[in-house]
Amino acid sequence: MQELTVQELKKLKDAKADFQLIDVREPHETEIATIGGELIPMGEVLDNLDKISKDKQVVVYCRSGKRSASIVNALEQRGYSKVYNLAGGILAWADAIDPAMTKY
């Protein structure tokens, strides 16, 4: 499984790179903290494969990186080759990039 650090994600965002960011948390979690991205809750990802690009880099994140790692593995098994798990999830983002972000 390929992973991206929060620092690498910040560089992509700052450079306005063409990539897809997917949040696999639940809607109530995005109300607490978010780094953007398209919300596709973990339980709905496999029913929404048509929304996930096979052509560009896809970064998947959750709170700590566990749920997103599971989704990245599932996507790789379905032929996706440019998917990356955000190591440490939104908690790592709060620690390293945005200390003002609410952690839960």
N, C-alpha and C. Protein backbone atom coordinates (compact mmCIF):
# COMPACT_ATOMS: atom_id res chain seq x y z
N MET A 1 0.85 -1.19 0.00
CA MET A 1 0.00 0.00 0.00
C MET A 1 0.89 1.24 0.00
N GLN A 2 0.52 2.17 -0.86
CA GLN A 2 1.24 3.43 -0.94
C GLN A 2 0.68 4.41 0.09
N GLU A 3 1.57 5.17 0.72
CA GLU A 3 1.14 6.16 1.69
C GLU A 3 1.74 7.52 1.36
N LEU A 4 1.07 8.53 1.85
CA LEU A 4 1.51 9.91 1.71
C LEU A 4 1.55 10.50 3.11
N THR A 5 2.56 11.32 3.39
CA THR A 5 2.59 12.00 4.68
C THR A 5 1.72 13.26 4.59
N VAL A 6 1.39 13.81 5.73
CA VAL A 6 0.60 15.05 5.73
C VAL A 6 1.40 16.19 5.10
N GLN A 7 2.72 16.16 5.27
CA GLN A 7 3.56 17.19 4.65
C GLN A 7 3.51 17.09 3.12
N GLU A 8 3.51 15.85 2.61
CA GLU A 8 3.42 15.65 1.16
C GLU A 8 2.05 16.11 0.65
N LEU A 9 1.00 15.83 1.41
CA LEU A 9 -0.33 16.27 1.01
C LEU A 9 -0.41 17.79 0.99
N LYS A 10 0.16 18.43 1.99
CA LYS A 10 0.16 19.89 2.04
C LYS A 10 0.85 20.47 0.80
N LYS A 11 1.96 19.87 0.39
CA LYS A 11 2.67 20.32 -0.81
C LYS A 11 1.77 20.19 -2.05
N LEU A 12 1.05 19.07 -2.16
CA LEU A 12 0.13 18.88 -3.28
C LEU A 12 -0.95 19.96 -3.28
N LYS A 13 -1.52 20.21 -2.10
CA LYS A 13 -2.58 21.22 -1.99
C LYS A 13 -2.04 22.61 -2.30
N ASP A 14 -0.88 22.94 -1.76
CA ASP A 14 -0.28 24.26 -1.99
C ASP A 14 0.05 24.49 -3.46
N ALA A 15 0.46 23.40 -4.14
CA ALA A 15 0.81 23.49 -5.56
C ALA A 15 -0.42 23.43 -6.46
N LYS A 16 -1.60 23.26 -5.83
CA LYS A 16 -2.84 23.11 -6.59
C LYS A 16 -2.72 21.98 -7.62
N ALA A 17 -2.09 20.89 -7.19
CA ALA A 17 -1.92 19.71 -8.05
C ALA A 17 -3.29 19.12 -8.39
N ASP A 18 -3.32 18.41 -9.51
CA ASP A 18 -4.56 17.77 -9.95
C ASP A 18 -4.62 16.37 -9.33
N PHE A 19 -5.27 16.27 -8.20
CA PHE A 19 -5.44 14.99 -7.53
C PHE A 19 -6.81 14.97 -6.88
N GLN A 20 -7.23 13.79 -6.47
CA GLN A 20 -8.53 13.66 -5.82
C GLN A 20 -8.30 13.32 -4.35
N LEU A 21 -8.99 14.04 -3.47
CA LEU A 21 -8.90 13.82 -2.04
C LEU A 21 -10.24 13.27 -1.56
N ILE A 22 -10.20 12.11 -0.94
CA ILE A 22 -11.43 11.45 -0.50
C ILE A 22 -11.40 11.23 1.01
N ASP A 23 -12.45 11.68 1.66
CA ASP A 23 -12.64 11.54 3.11
C ASP A 23 -13.60 10.38 3.33
N VAL A 24 -13.15 9.33 4.01
CA VAL A 24 -14.00 8.16 4.21
C VAL A 24 -14.61 8.10 5.62
N ARG A 25 -14.57 9.23 6.33
CA ARG A 25 -15.19 9.31 7.65
C ARG A 25 -16.71 9.48 7.49
N GLU A 26 -17.38 9.53 8.62
CA GLU A 26 -18.83 9.72 8.63
C GLU A 26 -19.15 11.22 8.60
N PRO A 27 -20.33 11.60 8.10
CA PRO A 27 -20.69 13.02 8.01
C PRO A 27 -20.53 13.80 9.31
N HIS A 28 -20.91 13.20 10.44
CA HIS A 28 -20.79 13.93 11.71
C HIS A 28 -19.33 14.23 12.06
N GLU A 29 -18.39 13.42 11.55
CA GLU A 29 -16.97 13.66 11.82
C GLU A 29 -16.47 14.87 11.04
N THR A 30 -17.01 15.08 9.85
CA THR A 30 -16.56 16.22 9.04
C THR A 30 -17.01 17.54 9.66
N GLU A 31 -18.05 17.48 10.49
CA GLU A 31 -18.50 18.70 11.18
C GLU A 31 -17.51 19.11 12.26
N ILE A 32 -16.73 18.18 12.77
CA ILE A 32 -15.75 18.46 13.81
C ILE A 32 -14.47 19.02 13.21
N ALA A 33 -13.99 18.39 12.14
CA ALA A 33 -12.74 18.80 11.51
C ALA A 33 -12.69 18.25 10.09
N THR A 34 -12.12 19.05 9.18
CA THR A 34 -11.98 18.58 7.80
C THR A 34 -10.78 19.24 7.14
N ILE A 35 -10.23 18.55 6.16
CA ILE A 35 -9.15 19.14 5.34
C ILE A 35 -9.62 19.23 3.89
N GLY A 36 -10.93 19.15 3.71
CA GLY A 36 -11.49 19.21 2.37
C GLY A 36 -11.62 17.80 1.81
N GLY A 37 -11.86 17.73 0.56
CA GLY A 37 -12.02 16.43 -0.06
C GLY A 37 -13.48 16.05 -0.19
N GLU A 38 -13.69 15.05 -0.98
CA GLU A 38 -15.04 14.55 -1.24
C GLU A 38 -15.40 13.52 -0.18
N LEU A 39 -16.52 13.71 0.46
CA LEU A 39 -16.96 12.78 1.49
C LEU A 39 -17.66 11.57 0.85
N ILE A 40 -17.03 10.41 1.04
CA ILE A 40 -17.64 9.14 0.66
C ILE A 40 -17.41 8.22 1.87
N PRO A 41 -18.39 8.13 2.78
CA PRO A 41 -18.19 7.30 3.98
C PRO A 41 -17.73 5.89 3.63
N MET A 42 -16.90 5.34 4.50
CA MET A 42 -16.27 4.04 4.27
C MET A 42 -17.25 2.99 3.76
N GLY A 43 -18.42 2.90 4.37
CA GLY A 43 -19.39 1.89 4.00
C GLY A 43 -20.03 2.11 2.64
N GLU A 44 -19.78 3.28 2.03
CA GLU A 44 -20.39 3.60 0.74
C GLU A 44 -19.38 3.62 -0.41
N VAL A 45 -18.10 3.46 -0.10
CA VAL A 45 -17.07 3.59 -1.13
C VAL A 45 -17.26 2.60 -2.27
N LEU A 46 -17.46 1.33 -1.96
CA LEU A 46 -17.54 0.32 -3.02
C LEU A 46 -18.78 0.47 -3.88
N ASP A 47 -19.79 1.19 -3.38
CA ASP A 47 -20.97 1.48 -4.18
C ASP A 47 -20.79 2.75 -5.00
N ASN A 48 -19.67 3.43 -4.82
CA ASN A 48 -19.42 4.71 -5.51
C ASN A 48 -18.09 4.72 -6.25
N LEU A 49 -17.69 3.57 -6.76
CA LEU A 49 -16.41 3.50 -7.48
C LEU A 49 -16.36 4.43 -8.69
N ASP A 50 -17.54 4.71 -9.26
CA ASP A 50 -17.59 5.60 -10.42
C ASP A 50 -17.18 7.03 -10.07
N LYS A 51 -17.14 7.37 -8.80
CA LYS A 51 -16.75 8.71 -8.36
C LYS A 51 -15.25 8.83 -8.09
N ILE A 52 -14.55 7.69 -8.16
CA ILE A 52 -13.12 7.66 -7.82
C ILE A 52 -12.30 7.51 -9.09
N SER A 53 -11.40 8.46 -9.30
CA SER A 53 -10.60 8.48 -10.52
C SER A 53 -9.59 7.34 -10.58
N LYS A 54 -9.48 6.74 -11.76
CA LYS A 54 -8.42 5.75 -12.00
C LYS A 54 -7.25 6.42 -12.73
N ASP A 55 -7.45 7.65 -13.17
CA ASP A 55 -6.45 8.32 -13.98
C ASP A 55 -5.51 9.24 -13.21
N LYS A 56 -5.99 9.81 -12.11
CA LYS A 56 -5.12 10.72 -11.37
C LYS A 56 -4.87 10.20 -9.96
N GLN A 57 -3.92 10.81 -9.30
CA GLN A 57 -3.59 10.41 -7.94
C GLN A 57 -4.79 10.63 -7.03
N VAL A 58 -5.06 9.63 -6.20
CA VAL A 58 -6.18 9.67 -5.26
C VAL A 58 -5.61 9.49 -3.85
N VAL A 59 -5.89 10.45 -2.98
CA VAL A 59 -5.46 10.38 -1.59
C VAL A 59 -6.70 10.15 -0.72
N VAL A 60 -6.66 9.10 0.08
CA VAL A 60 -7.79 8.72 0.91
C VAL A 60 -7.40 8.96 2.37
N TYR A 61 -8.32 9.60 3.13
CA TYR A 61 -8.02 9.84 4.53
C TYR A 61 -9.22 9.59 5.43
N CYS A 62 -8.90 9.41 6.71
CA CYS A 62 -9.90 9.26 7.76
C CYS A 62 -9.35 9.94 9.01
N ARG A 63 -9.77 9.53 10.16
CA ARG A 63 -9.32 10.16 11.40
C ARG A 63 -7.86 9.80 11.70
N SER A 64 -7.53 8.51 11.68
CA SER A 64 -6.18 8.07 12.08
C SER A 64 -5.40 7.34 11.00
N GLY A 65 -6.06 6.99 9.92
CA GLY A 65 -5.39 6.29 8.83
C GLY A 65 -5.75 4.82 8.72
N LYS A 66 -6.50 4.29 9.68
CA LYS A 66 -6.85 2.87 9.64
C LYS A 66 -7.97 2.57 8.64
N ARG A 67 -9.05 3.33 8.71
CA ARG A 67 -10.16 3.10 7.77
C ARG A 67 -9.72 3.37 6.34
N SER A 68 -8.97 4.46 6.16
CA SER A 68 -8.52 4.80 4.81
C SER A 68 -7.56 3.74 4.27
N ALA A 69 -6.73 3.15 5.13
CA ALA A 69 -5.83 2.08 4.68
C ALA A 69 -6.64 0.89 4.17
N SER A 70 -7.71 0.57 4.87
CA SER A 70 -8.57 -0.53 4.45
C SER A 70 -9.20 -0.24 3.08
N ILE A 71 -9.61 1.01 2.89
CA ILE A 71 -10.21 1.40 1.61
C ILE A 71 -9.17 1.38 0.49
N VAL A 72 -7.97 1.86 0.77
CA VAL A 72 -6.90 1.84 -0.24
C VAL A 72 -6.64 0.40 -0.67
N ASN A 73 -6.55 -0.52 0.28
CA ASN A 73 -6.35 -1.93 -0.06
C ASN A 73 -7.48 -2.46 -0.94
N ALA A 74 -8.72 -2.11 -0.60
CA ALA A 74 -9.87 -2.57 -1.37
C ALA A 74 -9.83 -2.00 -2.79
N LEU A 75 -9.44 -0.73 -2.92
CA LEU A 75 -9.35 -0.11 -4.24
C LEU A 75 -8.24 -0.74 -5.07
N GLU A 76 -7.11 -1.02 -4.43
CA GLU A 76 -6.00 -1.67 -5.16
C GLU A 76 -6.42 -3.03 -5.69
N GLN A 77 -7.22 -3.75 -4.91
CA GLN A 77 -7.70 -5.06 -5.35
C GLN A 77 -8.66 -4.95 -6.53
N ARG A 78 -9.20 -3.75 -6.75
CA ARG A 78 -10.12 -3.52 -7.86
C ARG A 78 -9.45 -2.78 -9.01
N GLY A 79 -8.13 -2.78 -9.04
CA GLY A 79 -7.41 -2.24 -10.19
C GLY A 79 -6.95 -0.80 -10.09
N TYR A 80 -7.16 -0.15 -8.97
CA TYR A 80 -6.68 1.22 -8.80
C TYR A 80 -5.19 1.16 -8.45
N SER A 81 -4.38 1.93 -9.16
CA SER A 81 -2.93 1.88 -8.92
C SER A 81 -2.38 3.19 -8.37
N LYS A 82 -3.15 4.25 -8.42
CA LYS A 82 -2.66 5.56 -7.98
C LYS A 82 -3.34 6.02 -6.70
N VAL A 83 -3.66 5.08 -5.81
CA VAL A 83 -4.32 5.43 -4.55
C VAL A 83 -3.31 5.41 -3.41
N TYR A 84 -3.46 6.41 -2.54
CA TYR A 84 -2.55 6.59 -1.42
C TYR A 84 -3.33 6.78 -0.13
N ASN A 85 -2.85 6.16 0.93
CA ASN A 85 -3.42 6.37 2.25
C ASN A 85 -2.70 7.56 2.88
N LEU A 86 -3.46 8.44 3.52
CA LEU A 86 -2.84 9.54 4.26
C LEU A 86 -2.40 9.00 5.61
N ALA A 87 -1.09 8.85 5.78
CA ALA A 87 -0.53 8.28 7.00
C ALA A 87 -0.90 9.14 8.21
N GLY A 88 -1.52 8.51 9.20
CA GLY A 88 -1.89 9.22 10.42
C GLY A 88 -3.20 9.98 10.34
N GLY A 89 -3.78 10.06 9.14
CA GLY A 89 -5.07 10.70 8.95
C GLY A 89 -5.12 12.16 9.39
N ILE A 90 -6.34 12.59 9.71
CA ILE A 90 -6.56 13.99 10.07
C ILE A 90 -5.91 14.33 11.42
N LEU A 91 -5.67 13.33 12.26
CA LEU A 91 -4.97 13.58 13.52
C LEU A 91 -3.53 14.02 13.25
N ALA A 92 -2.87 13.38 12.29
CA ALA A 92 -1.51 13.77 11.93
C ALA A 92 -1.50 15.16 11.32
N TRP A 93 -2.54 15.48 10.53
CA TRP A 93 -2.66 16.81 9.93
C TRP A 93 -2.75 17.86 11.05
N ALA A 94 -3.59 17.59 12.05
CA ALA A 94 -3.74 18.53 13.16
C ALA A 94 -2.42 18.69 13.92
N ASP A 95 -1.69 17.60 14.12
CA ASP A 95 -0.42 17.66 14.86
C ASP A 95 0.65 18.43 14.09
N ALA A 96 0.77 18.16 12.80
CA ALA A 96 1.90 18.69 12.05
C ALA A 96 1.61 19.94 11.23
N ILE A 97 0.38 20.12 10.77
CA ILE A 97 0.06 21.20 9.83
C ILE A 97 -0.83 22.27 10.45
N ASP A 98 -1.88 21.87 11.15
CA ASP A 98 -2.86 22.82 11.67
C ASP A 98 -3.18 22.53 13.14
N PRO A 99 -2.31 22.99 14.06
CA PRO A 99 -2.51 22.70 15.48
C PRO A 99 -3.79 23.29 16.05
N ALA A 100 -4.41 24.23 15.36
CA ALA A 100 -5.67 24.83 15.83
C ALA A 100 -6.88 23.93 15.54
N MET A 101 -6.67 22.93 14.71
CA MET A 101 -7.76 22.02 14.33
C MET A 101 -8.22 21.20 15.54
N THR A 102 -9.52 21.04 15.65
CA THR A 102 -10.09 20.24 16.73
C THR A 102 -9.75 18.77 16.50
N LYS A 103 -9.22 18.13 17.53
CA LYS A 103 -8.94 16.70 17.47
C LYS A 103 -10.02 15.98 18.26
N TYR A 104 -10.41 14.82 17.79
CA TYR A 104 -11.46 14.06 18.47
C TYR A 104 -11.09 12.59 18.51
